[in-house]
PDB file of N, CA and C in Angstrom:
ATOM      1  N   MET A   1       0.843  -1.150   0.000  1.00  0.00           N
ATOM      2  CA  MET A   1       0.000   0.000   0.000  1.00  0.00           C
ATOM      3  C   MET A   1       0.903   1.231   0.000  1.00  0.00           C
ATOM      4  N   ALA A   2       0.543   2.227  -0.794  1.00  0.00           N
ATOM      5  CA  ALA A   2       1.298   3.483  -0.843  1.00  0.00           C
ATOM      6  C   ALA A   2       0.318   4.640  -0.791  1.00  0.00           C
ATOM      7  N   ARG A   3       0.772   5.694  -0.173  1.00  0.00           N
ATOM      8  CA  ARG A   3      -0.072   6.883  -0.068  1.00  0.00           C
ATOM      9  C   ARG A   3       0.829   8.112  -0.171  1.00  0.00           C
ATOM     10  N   LYS A   4       0.434   9.068  -0.979  1.00  0.00           N
ATOM     11  CA  LYS A   4       1.185  10.302  -1.111  1.00  0.00           C
ATOM     12  C   LYS A   4       1.070  11.098   0.189  1.00  0.00           C
ATOM     13  N   LEU A   5       2.227  11.459   0.750  1.00  0.00           N
ATOM     14  CA  LEU A   5       2.223  12.199   2.008  1.00  0.00           C
ATOM     15  C   LEU A   5       2.365  13.698   1.796  1.00  0.00           C
ATOM     16  N   ALA A   6       3.271  14.084   0.919  1.00  0.00           N
ATOM     17  CA  ALA A   6       3.506  15.509   0.676  1.00  0.00           C
ATOM     18  C   ALA A   6       4.300  15.648  -0.616  1.00  0.00           C
ATOM     19  N   PRO A   7       4.221  16.798  -1.242  1.00  0.00           N
ATOM     20  CA  PRO A   7       5.032  17.001  -2.451  1.00  0.00           C
ATOM     21  C   PRO A   7       6.516  17.041  -2.104  1.00  0.00           C
ATOM     22  N   TYR A   8       7.343  16.600  -3.023  1.00  0.00           N
ATOM     23  CA  TYR A   8       8.787  16.592  -2.839  1.00  0.00           C
ATOM     24  C   TYR A   8       9.378  17.441  -3.953  1.00  0.00           C
ATOM     25  N   ARG A   9       9.923  18.576  -3.591  1.00  0.00           N
ATOM     26  CA  ARG A   9      10.432  19.510  -4.587  1.00  0.00           C
ATOM     27  C   ARG A   9      11.951  19.421  -4.677  1.00  0.00           C
ATOM     28  N   LEU A  10      12.441  19.494  -5.909  1.00  0.00           N
ATOM     29  CA  LEU A  10      13.872  19.520  -6.168  1.00  0.00           C
ATOM     30  C   LEU A  10      14.225  20.869  -6.769  1.00  0.00           C
ATOM     31  N   LEU A  11      15.402  21.370  -6.429  1.00  0.00           N
ATOM     32  CA  LEU A  11      15.859  22.649  -6.949  1.00  0.00           C
ATOM     33  C   LEU A  11      17.190  22.482  -7.645  1.00  0.00           C
ATOM     34  N   LEU A  12      17.386  23.222  -8.706  1.00  0.00           N
ATOM     35  CA  LEU A  12      18.666  23.289  -9.387  1.00  0.00           C
ATOM     36  C   LEU A  12      19.217  24.686  -9.139  1.00  0.00           C
ATOM     37  N   CYS A  13      20.387  24.774  -8.534  1.00  0.00           N
ATOM     38  CA  CYS A  13      20.982  26.062  -8.169  1.00  0.00           C
ATOM     39  C   CYS A  13      22.373  26.170  -8.763  1.00  0.00           C
ATOM     40  N   ALA A  14      22.753  27.401  -9.117  1.00  0.00           N
ATOM     41  CA  ALA A  14      24.102  27.644  -9.623  1.00  0.00           C
ATOM     42  C   ALA A  14      24.496  29.077  -9.302  1.00  0.00           C
ATOM     43  N   ALA A  15      25.785  29.278  -9.069  1.00  0.00           N
ATOM     44  CA  ALA A  15      26.301  30.623  -8.820  1.00  0.00           C
ATOM     45  C   ALA A  15      26.307  31.415 -10.132  1.00  0.00           C
ATOM     46  N   PRO A  16      25.989  32.696 -10.069  1.00  0.00           N
ATOM     47  CA  PRO A  16      26.006  33.519 -11.287  1.00  0.00           C
ATOM     48  C   PRO A  16      27.351  33.465 -12.015  1.00  0.00           C
ATOM     49  N   ALA A  17      28.457  33.425 -11.282  1.00  0.00           N
ATOM     50  CA  ALA A  17      29.781  33.360 -11.916  1.00  0.00           C
ATOM     51  C   ALA A  17      29.960  32.042 -12.677  1.00  0.00           C
ATOM     52  N   TYR A  18      29.446  30.942 -12.129  1.00  0.00           N
ATOM     53  CA  TYR A  18      29.528  29.651 -12.817  1.00  0.00           C
ATOM     54  C   TYR A  18      28.730  29.707 -14.116  1.00  0.00           C
ATOM     55  N   LEU A  19      27.523  30.226 -14.046  1.00  0.00           N
ATOM     56  CA  LEU A  19      26.674  30.300 -15.239  1.00  0.00           C
ATOM     57  C   LEU A  19      27.289  31.185 -16.315  1.00  0.00           C
ATOM     58  N   ALA A  20      27.951  32.258 -15.910  1.00  0.00           N
ATOM     59  CA  ALA A  20      28.575  33.166 -16.878  1.00  0.00           C
ATOM     60  C   ALA A  20      29.774  32.523 -17.567  1.00  0.00           C
ATOM     61  N   ALA A  21      30.432  31.586 -16.910  1.00  0.00           N
ATOM     62  CA  ALA A  21      31.656  30.989 -17.434  1.00  0.00           C
ATOM     63  C   ALA A  21      31.434  29.661 -18.167  1.00  0.00           C
ATOM     64  N   HIS A  22      30.204  29.160 -18.204  1.00  0.00           N
ATOM     65  CA  HIS A  22      29.929  27.855 -18.802  1.00  0.00           C
ATOM     66  C   HIS A  22      28.779  27.965 -19.802  1.00  0.00           C
ATOM     67  N   PRO A  23      28.644  26.956 -20.669  1.00  0.00           N
ATOM     68  CA  PRO A  23      27.544  26.979 -21.648  1.00  0.00           C
ATOM     69  C   PRO A  23      26.183  27.044 -20.951  1.00  0.00           C
ATOM     70  N   PRO A  24      25.210  27.661 -21.607  1.00  0.00           N
ATOM     71  CA  PRO A  24      23.882  27.769 -20.989  1.00  0.00           C
ATOM     72  C   PRO A  24      23.208  26.406 -20.827  1.00  0.00           C
ATOM     73  N   ILE A  25      22.364  26.317 -19.821  1.00  0.00           N
ATOM     74  CA  ILE A  25      21.575  25.113 -19.568  1.00  0.00           C
ATOM     75  C   ILE A  25      20.170  25.404 -20.097  1.00  0.00           C
ATOM     76  N   THR A  26      19.824  24.722 -21.174  1.00  0.00           N
ATOM     77  CA  THR A  26      18.502  24.945 -21.762  1.00  0.00           C
ATOM     78  C   THR A  26      17.588  23.731 -21.641  1.00  0.00           C
ATOM     79  N   CYS A  27      18.188  22.572 -21.362  1.00  0.00           N
ATOM     80  CA  CYS A  27      17.379  21.369 -21.158  1.00  0.00           C
ATOM     81  C   CYS A  27      18.128  20.446 -20.200  1.00  0.00           C
ATOM     82  N   LEU A  28      17.447  19.471 -19.692  1.00  0.00           N
ATOM     83  CA  LEU A  28      18.003  18.580 -18.680  1.00  0.00           C
ATOM     84  C   LEU A  28      19.277  17.884 -19.148  1.00  0.00           C
ATOM     85  N   SER A  29      19.345  17.483 -20.403  1.00  0.00           N
ATOM     86  CA  SER A  29      20.528  16.766 -20.890  1.00  0.00           C
ATOM     87  C   SER A  29      21.776  17.652 -20.926  1.00  0.00           C
ATOM     88  N   ASP A  30      21.622  18.972 -20.916  1.00  0.00           N
ATOM     89  CA  ASP A  30      22.773  19.885 -20.866  1.00  0.00           C
ATOM     90  C   ASP A  30      23.584  19.711 -19.584  1.00  0.00           C
ATOM     91  N   LEU A  31      22.967  19.211 -18.532  1.00  0.00           N
ATOM     92  CA  LEU A  31      23.666  19.048 -17.259  1.00  0.00           C
ATOM     93  C   LEU A  31      24.822  18.054 -17.351  1.00  0.00           C
ATOM     94  N   ALA A  32      24.814  17.173 -18.332  1.00  0.00           N
ATOM     95  CA  ALA A  32      25.894  16.202 -18.489  1.00  0.00           C
ATOM     96  C   ALA A  32      27.229  16.886 -18.783  1.00  0.00           C
ATOM     97  N   ALA A  33      27.197  18.098 -19.321  1.00  0.00           N
ATOM     98  CA  ALA A  33      28.423  18.825 -19.651  1.00  0.00           C
ATOM     99  C   ALA A  33      28.849  19.778 -18.537  1.00  0.00           C
ATOM    100  N   HIS A  34      28.187  19.722 -17.400  1.00  0.00           N
ATOM    101  CA  HIS A  34      28.471  20.645 -16.301  1.00  0.00           C
ATOM    102  C   HIS A  34      28.976  19.902 -15.064  1.00  0.00           C
ATOM    103  N   ASN A  35      29.692  20.632 -14.212  1.00  0.00           N
ATOM    104  CA  ASN A  35      30.116  20.094 -12.916  1.00  0.00           C
ATOM    105  C   ASN A  35      28.925  20.195 -11.970  1.00  0.00           C
ATOM    106  N   CYS A  36      28.423  19.068 -11.552  1.00  0.00           N
ATOM    107  CA  CYS A  36      27.216  19.052 -10.718  1.00  0.00           C
ATOM    108  C   CYS A  36      27.469  18.290  -9.419  1.00  0.00           C
ATOM    109  N   LEU A  37      26.845  18.736  -8.377  1.00  0.00           N
ATOM    110  CA  LEU A  37      26.829  18.027  -7.107  1.00  0.00           C
ATOM    111  C   LEU A  37      25.430  17.475  -6.911  1.00  0.00           C
ATOM    112  N   GLY A  38      25.345  16.240  -6.514  1.00  0.00           N
ATOM    113  CA  GLY A  38      24.044  15.636  -6.249  1.00  0.00           C
ATOM    114  C   GLY A  38      23.846  15.439  -4.768  1.00  0.00           C
ATOM    115  N   PHE A  39      22.638  15.577  -4.338  1.00  0.00           N
ATOM    116  CA  PHE A  39      22.304  15.356  -2.936  1.00  0.00           C
ATOM    117  C   PHE A  39      21.154  14.381  -2.874  1.00  0.00           C
ATOM    118  N   VAL A  40      21.363  13.293  -2.157  1.00  0.00           N
ATOM    119  CA  VAL A  40      20.320  12.292  -1.981  1.00  0.00           C
ATOM    120  C   VAL A  40      20.203  12.018  -0.495  1.00  0.00           C
ATOM    121  N   HIS A  41      19.023  12.180   0.024  1.00  0.00           N
ATOM    122  CA  HIS A  41      18.797  11.864   1.425  1.00  0.00           C
ATOM    123  C   HIS A  41      17.464  11.143   1.539  1.00  0.00           C
ATOM    124  N   THR A  42      17.561   9.892   1.838  1.00  0.00           N
ATOM    125  CA  THR A  42      16.355   9.099   2.084  1.00  0.00           C
ATOM    126  C   THR A  42      16.602   8.255   3.321  1.00  0.00           C
ATOM    127  N   GLU A  43      15.589   7.786   3.900  1.00  0.00           N
ATOM    128  CA  GLU A  43      15.713   6.919   5.070  1.00  0.00           C
ATOM    129  C   GLU A  43      16.493   5.660   4.704  1.00  0.00           C
ATOM    130  N   PHE A  44      16.227   5.106   3.524  1.00  0.00           N
ATOM    131  CA  PHE A  44      16.924   3.889   3.098  1.00  0.00           C
ATOM    132  C   PHE A  44      18.422   4.156   2.967  1.00  0.00           C
ATOM    133  N   ARG A  45      18.818   5.252   2.321  1.00  0.00           N
ATOM    134  CA  ARG A  45      20.228   5.570   2.135  1.00  0.00           C
ATOM    135  C   ARG A  45      20.924   5.756   3.478  1.00  0.00           C
ATOM    136  N   ALA A  46      20.282   6.427   4.405  1.00  0.00           N
ATOM    137  CA  ALA A  46      20.873   6.656   5.715  1.00  0.00           C
ATOM    138  C   ALA A  46      21.110   5.323   6.436  1.00  0.00           C
ATOM    139  N   GLN A  47      20.217   4.379   6.289  1.00  0.00           N
ATOM    140  CA  GLN A  47      20.357   3.092   6.956  1.00  0.00           C
ATOM    141  C   GLN A  47      21.385   2.207   6.249  1.00  0.00           C
ATOM    142  N   SER A  48      21.480   2.312   4.918  1.00  0.00           N
ATOM    143  CA  SER A  48      22.369   1.418   4.178  1.00  0.00           C
ATOM    144  C   SER A  48      23.839   1.780   4.333  1.00  0.00           C
ATOM    145  N   GLN A  49      24.167   2.970   4.808  1.00  0.00           N
ATOM    146  CA  GLN A  49      25.562   3.373   4.954  1.00  0.00           C
ATOM    147  C   GLN A  49      26.121   3.039   6.324  1.00  0.00           C
ATOM    148  N   THR A  50      25.337   2.546   7.222  1.00  0.00           N
ATOM    149  CA  THR A  50      25.844   2.228   8.568  1.00  0.00           C
ATOM    150  C   THR A  50      26.369   0.826   8.636  1.00  0.00           C
TER     151      THR A  50
END
């Protein structure tokens, strides 16, 4: 059984200096050419690393 509890929003952020010095991001696949940091936090991930 599954039930939606709340919306989960993701944000893409970049410093203005980074954006000025790199090619523009116009679609999701453009991110492959950029230096990106990913953040994943789930209950499962927290338990699997111990």
